[in-house]
PDB file of all heavy atoms in Angstrom:
ATOM      1  N   PRO A   1      84.165  82.800 106.184  1.00  0.00           N
ATOM      2  CA  PRO A   1      83.576  84.079 106.514  1.00  0.00           C
ATOM      3  C   PRO A   1      84.693  85.149 106.541  1.00  0.00           C
ATOM      4  O   PRO A   1      85.855  84.900 107.001  1.00  0.00           O
ATOM      5  CB  PRO A   1      82.858  83.737 107.906  1.00  0.00           C
ATOM      6  CG  PRO A   1      83.590  82.553 108.472  1.00  0.00           C
ATOM      7  CD  PRO A   1      84.068  81.813 107.263  1.00  0.00           C
ATOM      8  N   VAL A   2      84.274  86.352 106.332  1.00  0.00           N
ATOM      9  CA  VAL A   2      85.195  87.465 106.383  1.00  0.00           C
ATOM     10  C   VAL A   2      84.352  88.576 107.113  1.00  0.00           C
ATOM     11  O   VAL A   2      83.193  88.512 107.355  1.00  0.00           O
ATOM     12  CB  VAL A   2      85.650  87.996 105.140  1.00  0.00           C
ATOM     13  CG1 VAL A   2      86.395  86.970 104.273  1.00  0.00           C
ATOM     14  CG2 VAL A   2      84.318  88.359 104.171  1.00  0.00           C
ATOM     15  N   ARG A   3      85.164  89.564 107.581  1.00  0.00           N
ATOM     16  CA  ARG A   3      84.641  90.729 108.292  1.00  0.00           C
ATOM     17  C   ARG A   3      84.383  91.905 107.307  1.00  0.00           C
ATOM     18  O   ARG A   3      85.233  92.069 106.378  1.00  0.00           O
ATOM     19  CB  ARG A   3      85.507  91.298 109.394  1.00  0.00           C
ATOM     20  CG  ARG A   3      85.366  90.484 110.704  1.00  0.00           C
ATOM     21  CD  ARG A   3      86.400  90.973 111.715  1.00  0.00           C
ATOM     22  NE  ARG A   3      86.215  92.332 112.164  1.00  0.00           N
ATOM     23  CZ  ARG A   3      87.291  93.081 112.713  1.00  0.00           C
ATOM     24  NH1 ARG A   3      88.431  92.498 112.688  1.00  0.00           N
ATOM     25  NH2 ARG A   3      87.041  94.322 113.045  1.00  0.00           N
ATOM     26  N   LEU A   4      83.216  92.555 107.391  1.00  0.00           N
ATOM     27  CA  LEU A   4      83.031  93.722 106.628  1.00  0.00           C
ATOM     28  C   LEU A   4      82.861  94.903 107.555  1.00  0.00           C
ATOM     29  O   LEU A   4      82.101  94.909 108.499  1.00  0.00           O
ATOM     30  CB  LEU A   4      81.588  93.612 105.860  1.00  0.00           C
ATOM     31  CG  LEU A   4      81.163  94.781 105.145  1.00  0.00           C
ATOM     32  CD1 LEU A   4      82.080  95.283 104.106  1.00  0.00           C
ATOM     33  CD2 LEU A   4      79.754  94.513 104.575  1.00  0.00           C
ATOM     34  N   VAL A   5      83.791  95.923 107.370  1.00  0.00           N
ATOM     35  CA  VAL A   5      83.877  97.134 108.192  1.00  0.00           C
ATOM     36  C   VAL A   5      83.315  98.251 107.343  1.00  0.00           C
ATOM     37  O   VAL A   5      83.957  98.592 106.313  1.00  0.00           O
ATOM     38  CB  VAL A   5      85.170  97.403 108.728  1.00  0.00           C
ATOM     39  CG1 VAL A   5      85.168  98.718 109.558  1.00  0.00           C
ATOM     40  CG2 VAL A   5      85.630  96.223 109.680  1.00  0.00           C
ATOM     41  N   SER A   6      82.187  98.892 107.815  1.00  0.00           N
ATOM     42  CA  SER A   6      81.650  99.992 106.964  1.00  0.00           C
ATOM     43  C   SER A   6      81.818 101.233 107.798  1.00  0.00           C
ATOM     44  O   SER A   6      81.447 101.290 108.923  1.00  0.00           O
ATOM     45  CB  SER A   6      80.143  99.768 106.667  1.00  0.00           C
ATOM     46  OG  SER A   6      79.921  98.463 105.953  1.00  0.00           O
ATOM     47  N   VAL A   7      82.401 102.303 107.138  1.00  0.00           N
ATOM     48  CA  VAL A   7      82.679 103.490 107.842  1.00  0.00           C
ATOM     49  C   VAL A   7      82.084 104.668 107.023  1.00  0.00           C
ATOM     50  O   VAL A   7      82.275 104.739 105.814  1.00  0.00           O
ATOM     51  CB  VAL A   7      84.210 103.717 107.994  1.00  0.00           C
ATOM     52  CG1 VAL A   7      84.500 105.100 108.687  1.00  0.00           C
ATOM     53  CG2 VAL A   7      84.845 102.572 108.628  1.00  0.00           C
ATOM     54  N   SER A   8      81.318 105.487 107.763  1.00  0.00           N
ATOM     55  CA  SER A   8      80.855 106.793 107.156  1.00  0.00           C
ATOM     56  C   SER A   8      81.761 107.894 107.370  1.00  0.00           C
ATOM     57  O   SER A   8      82.037 108.282 108.495  1.00  0.00           O
ATOM     58  CB  SER A   8      79.392 107.002 107.838  1.00  0.00           C
ATOM     59  OG  SER A   8      78.922 108.285 107.334  1.00  0.00           O
ATOM     60  N   TRP A   9      82.285 108.355 106.245  1.00  0.00           N
ATOM     61  CA  TRP A   9      83.354 109.397 106.355  1.00  0.00           C
ATOM     62  C   TRP A   9      82.793 110.555 105.576  1.00  0.00           C
ATOM     63  O   TRP A   9      82.795 110.608 104.351  1.00  0.00           O
ATOM     64  CB  TRP A   9      84.627 108.896 105.718  1.00  0.00           C
ATOM     65  CG  TRP A   9      85.847 109.856 105.915  1.00  0.00           C
ATOM     66  CD1 TRP A   9      86.158 110.827 105.046  1.00  0.00           C
ATOM     67  CD2 TRP A   9      86.787 109.720 106.864  1.00  0.00           C
ATOM     68  NE1 TRP A   9      87.281 111.446 105.589  1.00  0.00           N
ATOM     69  CE2 TRP A   9      87.782 110.834 106.700  1.00  0.00           C
ATOM     70  CE3 TRP A   9      87.121 108.905 108.030  1.00  0.00           C
ATOM     71  CZ2 TRP A   9      88.872 111.008 107.450  1.00  0.00           C
ATOM     72  CZ3 TRP A   9      88.116 109.105 108.751  1.00  0.00           C
ATOM     73  CH2 TRP A   9      89.060 110.199 108.457  1.00  0.00           C
ATOM     74  N   GLU A  10      82.354 111.705 106.233  1.00  0.00           N
ATOM     75  CA  GLU A  10      81.842 112.815 105.672  1.00  0.00           C
ATOM     76  C   GLU A  10      80.721 112.479 104.623  1.00  0.00           C
ATOM     77  O   GLU A  10      80.596 113.082 103.558  1.00  0.00           O
ATOM     78  CB  GLU A  10      82.834 113.614 104.888  1.00  0.00           C
ATOM     79  CG  GLU A  10      83.918 114.332 105.845  1.00  0.00           C
ATOM     80  CD  GLU A  10      84.780 115.370 105.112  1.00  0.00           C
ATOM     81  OE1 GLU A  10      85.541 114.927 104.229  1.00  0.00           O
ATOM     82  OE2 GLU A  10      84.684 116.574 105.533  1.00  0.00           O
ATOM     83  N   GLY A  11      79.781 111.582 105.057  1.00  0.00           N
ATOM     84  CA  GLY A  11      78.700 111.388 104.290  1.00  0.00           C
ATOM     85  C   GLY A  11      78.830 110.209 103.296  1.00  0.00           C
ATOM     86  O   GLY A  11      77.964 109.737 102.640  1.00  0.00           O
ATOM     87  N   THR A  12      80.157 109.718 103.034  1.00  0.00           N
ATOM     88  CA  THR A  12      80.348 108.720 102.066  1.00  0.00           C
ATOM     89  C   THR A  12      80.699 107.407 102.945  1.00  0.00           C
ATOM     90  O   THR A  12      81.440 107.318 103.849  1.00  0.00           O
ATOM     91  CB  THR A  12      81.569 109.092 101.231  1.00  0.00           C
ATOM     92  OG1 THR A  12      81.365 110.225 100.636  1.00  0.00           O
ATOM     93  CG2 THR A  12      81.905 107.965 100.201  1.00  0.00           C
ATOM     94  N   ILE A  13      80.045 106.285 102.390  1.00  0.00           N
ATOM     95  CA  ILE A  13      80.345 104.929 103.069  1.00  0.00           C
ATOM     96  C   ILE A  13      81.474 104.286 102.323  1.00  0.00           C
ATOM     97  O   ILE A  13      81.452 104.062 101.250  1.00  0.00           O
ATOM     98  CB  ILE A  13      79.085 104.210 103.078  1.00  0.00           C
ATOM     99  CG1 ILE A  13      77.833 104.877 103.615  1.00  0.00           C
ATOM    100  CG2 ILE A  13      79.310 102.837 103.787  1.00  0.00           C
ATOM    101  CD1 ILE A  13      78.031 105.195 105.090  1.00  0.00           C
ATOM    102  N   TYR A  14      82.419 103.864 103.195  1.00  0.00           N
ATOM    103  CA  TYR A  14      83.574 103.096 102.659  1.00  0.00           C
ATOM    104  C   TYR A  14      83.528 101.695 103.421  1.00  0.00           C
ATOM    105  O   TYR A  14      83.351 101.595 104.618  1.00  0.00           O
ATOM    106  CB  TYR A  14      84.977 103.759 103.101  1.00  0.00           C
ATOM    107  CG  TYR A  14      85.078 105.105 102.445  1.00  0.00           C
ATOM    108  CD1 TYR A  14      84.667 106.248 103.053  1.00  0.00           C
ATOM    109  CD2 TYR A  14      85.752 105.211 101.152  1.00  0.00           C
ATOM    110  CE1 TYR A  14      84.921 107.485 102.404  1.00  0.00           C
ATOM    111  CE2 TYR A  14      85.975 106.426 100.527  1.00  0.00           C
ATOM    112  CZ  TYR A  14      85.511 107.554 101.163  1.00  0.00           C
ATOM    113  OH  TYR A  14      85.622 108.813 100.551  1.00  0.00           O
ATOM    114  N   ARG A  15      83.718 100.691 102.501  1.00  0.00           N
ATOM    115  CA  ARG A  15      83.444  99.354 103.038  1.00  0.00           C
ATOM    116  C   ARG A  15      84.782  98.619 102.872  1.00  0.00           C
ATOM    117  O   ARG A  15      85.329  98.486 101.723  1.00  0.00           O
ATOM    118  CB  ARG A  15      82.320  98.678 102.300  1.00  0.00           C
ATOM    119  CG  ARG A  15      81.010  99.265 102.632  1.00  0.00           C
ATOM    120  CD  ARG A  15      79.867  98.525 101.935  1.00  0.00           C
ATOM    121  NE  ARG A  15      78.546  99.020 102.357  1.00  0.00           N
ATOM    122  CZ  ARG A  15      78.020 100.025 101.819  1.00  0.00           C
ATOM    123  NH1 ARG A  15      78.505 100.745 100.824  1.00  0.00           N
ATOM    124  NH2 ARG A  15      76.720 100.487 102.240  1.00  0.00           N
ATOM    125  N   TYR A  16      85.277  97.935 104.019  1.00  0.00           N
ATOM    126  CA  TYR A  16      86.502  97.220 103.934  1.00  0.00           C
ATOM    127  C   TYR A  16      86.309  95.704 104.333  1.00  0.00           C
ATOM    128  O   TYR A  16      85.463  95.395 105.084  1.00  0.00           O
ATOM    129  CB  TYR A  16      87.580  97.847 104.863  1.00  0.00           C
ATOM    130  CG  TYR A  16      87.738  99.362 104.669  1.00  0.00           C
ATOM    131  CD1 TYR A  16      86.971 100.234 105.572  1.00  0.00           C
ATOM    132  CD2 TYR A  16      88.517  99.828 103.727  1.00  0.00           C
ATOM    133  CE1 TYR A  16      87.122 101.605 105.340  1.00  0.00           C
ATOM    134  CE2 TYR A  16      88.646 101.156 103.508  1.00  0.00           C
ATOM    135  CZ  TYR A  16      87.925 102.104 104.358  1.00  0.00           C
ATOM    136  OH  TYR A  16      88.124 103.396 104.105  1.00  0.00           O
ATOM    137  N   LEU A  17      87.176  94.857 103.746  1.00  0.00           N
ATOM    138  CA  LEU A  17      87.147  93.484 103.927  1.00  0.00           C
ATOM    139  C   LEU A  17      88.396  92.965 104.621  1.00  0.00           C
ATOM    140  O   LEU A  17      89.477  93.436 104.359  1.00  0.00           O
ATOM    141  CB  LEU A  17      86.867  92.641 102.679  1.00  0.00           C
ATOM    142  CG  LEU A  17      85.424  92.737 102.076  1.00  0.00           C
ATOM    143  CD1 LEU A  17      85.440  91.968 100.709  1.00  0.00           C
ATOM    144  CD2 LEU A  17      84.361  92.271 102.907  1.00  0.00           C
ATOM    145  N   THR A  18      88.238  91.930 105.511  1.00  0.00           N
ATOM    146  CA  THR A  18      89.452  91.381 106.138  1.00  0.00           C
ATOM    147  C   THR A  18      89.001  89.991 106.511  1.00  0.00           C
ATOM    148  O   THR A  18      87.931  89.715 106.921  1.00  0.00           O
ATOM    149  CB  THR A  18      90.092  92.190 107.316  1.00  0.00           C
ATOM    150  OG1 THR A  18      91.201  91.508 107.724  1.00  0.00           O
ATOM    151  CG2 THR A  18      88.984  92.376 108.401  1.00  0.00           C
ATOM    152  N   ASN A  19      89.987  89.082 106.592  1.00  0.00           N
ATOM    153  CA  ASN A  19      89.746  87.763 107.104  1.00  0.00           C
ATOM    154  C   ASN A  19      90.300  87.612 108.586  1.00  0.00           C
ATOM    155  O   ASN A  19      90.255  86.490 109.098  1.00  0.00           O
ATOM    156  CB  ASN A  19      90.422  86.593 106.238  1.00  0.00           C
ATOM    157  CG  ASN A  19      91.875  86.713 106.262  1.00  0.00           C
ATOM    158  OD1 ASN A  19      92.506  87.840 106.404  1.00  0.00           O
ATOM    159  ND2 ASN A  19      92.610  85.561 105.962  1.00  0.00           N
ATOM    160  N   VAL A  20      90.645  88.756 109.129  1.00  0.00           N
ATOM    161  CA  VAL A  20      90.920  88.820 110.588  1.00  0.00           C
ATOM    162  C   VAL A  20      89.552  88.942 111.291  1.00  0.00           C
ATOM    163  O   VAL A  20      89.053  89.970 111.415  1.00  0.00           O
ATOM    164  CB  VAL A  20      91.855  89.919 110.986  1.00  0.00           C
ATOM    165  CG1 VAL A  20      92.170  89.911 112.461  1.00  0.00           C
ATOM    166  CG2 VAL A  20      93.143  89.831 110.162  1.00  0.00           C
ATOM    167  N   THR A  21      88.969  87.905 111.666  1.00  0.00           N
ATOM    168  CA  THR A  21      87.574  87.827 112.146  1.00  0.00           C
ATOM    169  C   THR A  21      87.446  88.269 113.636  1.00  0.00           C
ATOM    170  O   THR A  21      86.335  88.441 114.195  1.00  0.00           O
ATOM    171  CB  THR A  21      86.943  86.407 111.991  1.00  0.00           C
ATOM    172  OG1 THR A  21      87.851  85.494 112.685  1.00  0.00           O
ATOM    173  CG2 THR A  21      86.786  86.105 110.531  1.00  0.00           C
ATOM    174  N   ASP A  22      88.536  88.404 114.465  1.00  0.00           N
ATOM    175  CA  ASP A  22      88.454  88.762 115.788  1.00  0.00           C
ATOM    176  C   ASP A  22      88.859  90.196 115.949  1.00  0.00           C
ATOM    177  O   ASP A  22      89.999  90.584 115.732  1.00  0.00           O
ATOM    178  CB  ASP A  22      89.528  87.901 116.573  1.00  0.00           C
ATOM    179  CG  ASP A  22      89.394  88.117 118.144  1.00  0.00           C
ATOM    180  OD1 ASP A  22      88.547  88.989 118.469  1.00  0.00           O
ATOM    181  OD2 ASP A  22      90.139  87.459 118.841  1.00  0.00           O
ATOM    182  N   PRO A  23      87.925  91.003 116.397  1.00  0.00           N
ATOM    183  CA  PRO A  23      88.087  92.455 116.531  1.00  0.00           C
ATOM    184  C   PRO A  23      89.180  92.720 117.654  1.00  0.00           C
ATOM    185  O   PRO A  23      89.798  93.815 117.610  1.00  0.00           O
ATOM    186  CB  PRO A  23      86.785  93.064 116.985  1.00  0.00           C
ATOM    187  CG  PRO A  23      85.783  92.037 116.560  1.00  0.00           C
ATOM    188  CD  PRO A  23      86.465  90.697 116.649  1.00  0.00           C
ATOM    189  N   GLU A  24      89.412  91.787 118.603  1.00  0.00           N
ATOM    190  CA  GLU A  24      90.525  91.975 119.566  1.00  0.00           C
ATOM    191  C   GLU A  24      91.841  91.982 118.923  1.00  0.00           C
ATOM    192  O   GLU A  24      92.794  92.583 119.363  1.00  0.00           O
ATOM    193  CB  GLU A  24      90.418  90.935 120.601  1.00  0.00           C
ATOM    194  CG  GLU A  24      89.107  91.003 121.472  1.00  0.00           C
ATOM    195  CD  GLU A  24      88.992  92.209 122.169  1.00  0.00           C
ATOM    196  OE1 GLU A  24      90.024  92.710 122.686  1.00  0.00           O
ATOM    197  OE2 GLU A  24      87.935  92.799 122.446  1.00  0.00           O
ATOM    198  N   VAL A  25      91.980  91.252 117.823  1.00  0.00           N
ATOM    199  CA  VAL A  25      93.287  91.133 117.067  1.00  0.00           C
ATOM    200  C   VAL A  25      93.453  92.390 116.156  1.00  0.00           C
ATOM    201  O   VAL A  25      94.517  93.006 116.144  1.00  0.00           O
ATOM    202  CB  VAL A  25      93.442  89.891 116.259  1.00  0.00           C
ATOM    203  CG1 VAL A  25      94.725  89.836 115.451  1.00  0.00           C
ATOM    204  CG2 VAL A  25      93.333  88.664 117.152  1.00  0.00           C
ATOM    205  N   LEU A  26      92.433  92.759 115.459  1.00  0.00           N
ATOM    206  CA  LEU A  26      92.470  93.859 114.571  1.00  0.00           C
ATOM    207  C   LEU A  26      91.139  94.607 114.600  1.00  0.00           C
ATOM    208  O   LEU A  26      90.187  94.170 114.177  1.00  0.00           O
ATOM    209  CB  LEU A  26      92.600  93.356 113.124  1.00  0.00           C
ATOM    210  CG  LEU A  26      93.071  94.495 112.066  1.00  0.00           C
ATOM    211  CD1 LEU A  26      94.463  95.144 112.357  1.00  0.00           C
ATOM    212  CD2 LEU A  26      93.089  93.937 110.712  1.00  0.00           C
ATOM    213  N   SER A  27      91.106  95.677 115.281  1.00  0.00           N
ATOM    214  CA  SER A  27      89.848  96.443 115.540  1.00  0.00           C
ATOM    215  C   SER A  27      89.367  97.083 114.227  1.00  0.00           C
ATOM    216  O   SER A  27      90.083  97.145 113.146  1.00  0.00           O
ATOM    217  CB  SER A  27      90.164  97.660 116.479  1.00  0.00           C
ATOM    218  OG  SER A  27      90.908  98.573 116.030  1.00  0.00           O
ATOM    219  N   ALA A  28      88.066  97.499 114.197  1.00  0.00           N
ATOM    220  CA  ALA A  28      87.600  98.040 113.029  1.00  0.00           C
ATOM    221  C   ALA A  28      88.231  99.370 112.604  1.00  0.00           C
ATOM    222  O   ALA A  28      88.448  99.617 111.458  1.00  0.00           O
ATOM    223  CB  ALA A  28      86.038  98.449 113.292  1.00  0.00           C
ATOM    224  N   ARG A  29      88.779 100.074 113.547  1.00  0.00           N
ATOM    225  CA  ARG A  29      89.490 101.340 113.301  1.00  0.00           C
ATOM    226  C   ARG A  29      90.832 100.909 112.545  1.00  0.00           C
ATOM    227  O   ARG A  29      91.130 101.573 111.577  1.00  0.00           O
ATOM    228  CB  ARG A  29      89.797 102.092 114.539  1.00  0.00           C
ATOM    229  CG  ARG A  29      90.656 103.357 114.201  1.00  0.00           C
ATOM    230  CD  ARG A  29      90.896 104.190 115.433  1.00  0.00           C
ATOM    231  NE  ARG A  29      91.504 105.541 115.056  1.00  0.00           N
ATOM    232  CZ  ARG A  29      91.809 106.408 115.896  1.00  0.00           C
ATOM    233  NH1 ARG A  29      91.596 106.310 117.182  1.00  0.00           N
ATOM    234  NH2 ARG A  29      92.405 107.558 115.538  1.00  0.00           N
ATOM    235  N   TYR A  30      91.517  99.929 113.010  1.00  0.00           N
ATOM    236  CA  TYR A  30      92.774  99.528 112.417  1.00  0.00           C
ATOM    237  C   TYR A  30      92.600  98.959 110.997  1.00  0.00           C
ATOM    238  O   TYR A  30      93.340  99.099 110.009  1.00  0.00           O
ATOM    239  CB  TYR A  30      93.550  98.460 113.229  1.00  0.00           C
ATOM    240  CG  TYR A  30      94.272  99.035 114.342  1.00  0.00           C
ATOM    241  CD1 TYR A  30      94.216  98.694 115.661  1.00  0.00           C
ATOM    242  CD2 TYR A  30      95.293 100.014 114.043  1.00  0.00           C
ATOM    243  CE1 TYR A  30      94.944  99.310 116.686  1.00  0.00           C
ATOM    244  CE2 TYR A  30      96.002 100.689 115.165  1.00  0.00           C
ATOM    245  CZ  TYR A  30      95.865 100.179 116.378  1.00  0.00           C
ATOM    246  OH  TYR A  30      96.662 100.736 117.312  1.00  0.00           O
ATOM    247  N   VAL A  31      91.406  98.265 110.781  1.00  0.00           N
ATOM    248  CA  VAL A  31      91.067  97.886 109.403  1.00  0.00           C
ATOM    249  C   VAL A  31      90.947  98.993 108.404  1.00  0.00           C
ATOM    250  O   VAL A  31      91.587  98.994 107.365  1.00  0.00           O
ATOM    251  CB  VAL A  31      89.764  97.023 109.381  1.00  0.00           C
ATOM    252  CG1 VAL A  31      89.351  96.686 108.001  1.00  0.00           C
ATOM    253  CG2 VAL A  31      89.830  95.684 110.172  1.00  0.00           C
ATOM    254  N   SER A  32      90.246 100.042 108.908  1.00  0.00           N
ATOM    255  CA  SER A  32      90.128 101.201 108.085  1.00  0.00           C
ATOM    256  C   SER A  32      91.344 101.945 107.805  1.00  0.00           C
ATOM    257  O   SER A  32      91.785 102.392 106.630  1.00  0.00           O
ATOM    258  CB  SER A  32      89.021 102.118 108.742  1.00  0.00           C
ATOM    259  OG  SER A  32      89.009 103.425 108.004  1.00  0.00           O
ATOM    260  N   GLU A  33      92.169 102.121 108.908  1.00  0.00           N
ATOM    261  CA  GLU A  33      93.394 102.890 108.867  1.00  0.00           C
ATOM    262  C   GLU A  33      94.490 102.160 108.024  1.00  0.00           C
ATOM    263  O   GLU A  33      95.312 102.823 107.377  1.00  0.00           O
ATOM    264  CB  GLU A  33      93.924 103.243 110.249  1.00  0.00           C
ATOM    265  CG  GLU A  33      93.032 104.119 111.054  1.00  0.00           C
ATOM    266  CD  GLU A  33      92.982 105.596 110.445  1.00  0.00           C
ATOM    267  OE1 GLU A  33      93.833 105.920 109.631  1.00  0.00           O
ATOM    268  OE2 GLU A  33      92.065 106.307 110.912  1.00  0.00           O
TER     269      GLU A  33
END
């Protein structure tokens, strides 16, 4: 399993994947940034 982080940025959806499944280790914001 992997994590899917979807971010709405000025009306456009950006989708990111990571195999860091624990948000405490890598938050959704850090995945995007």
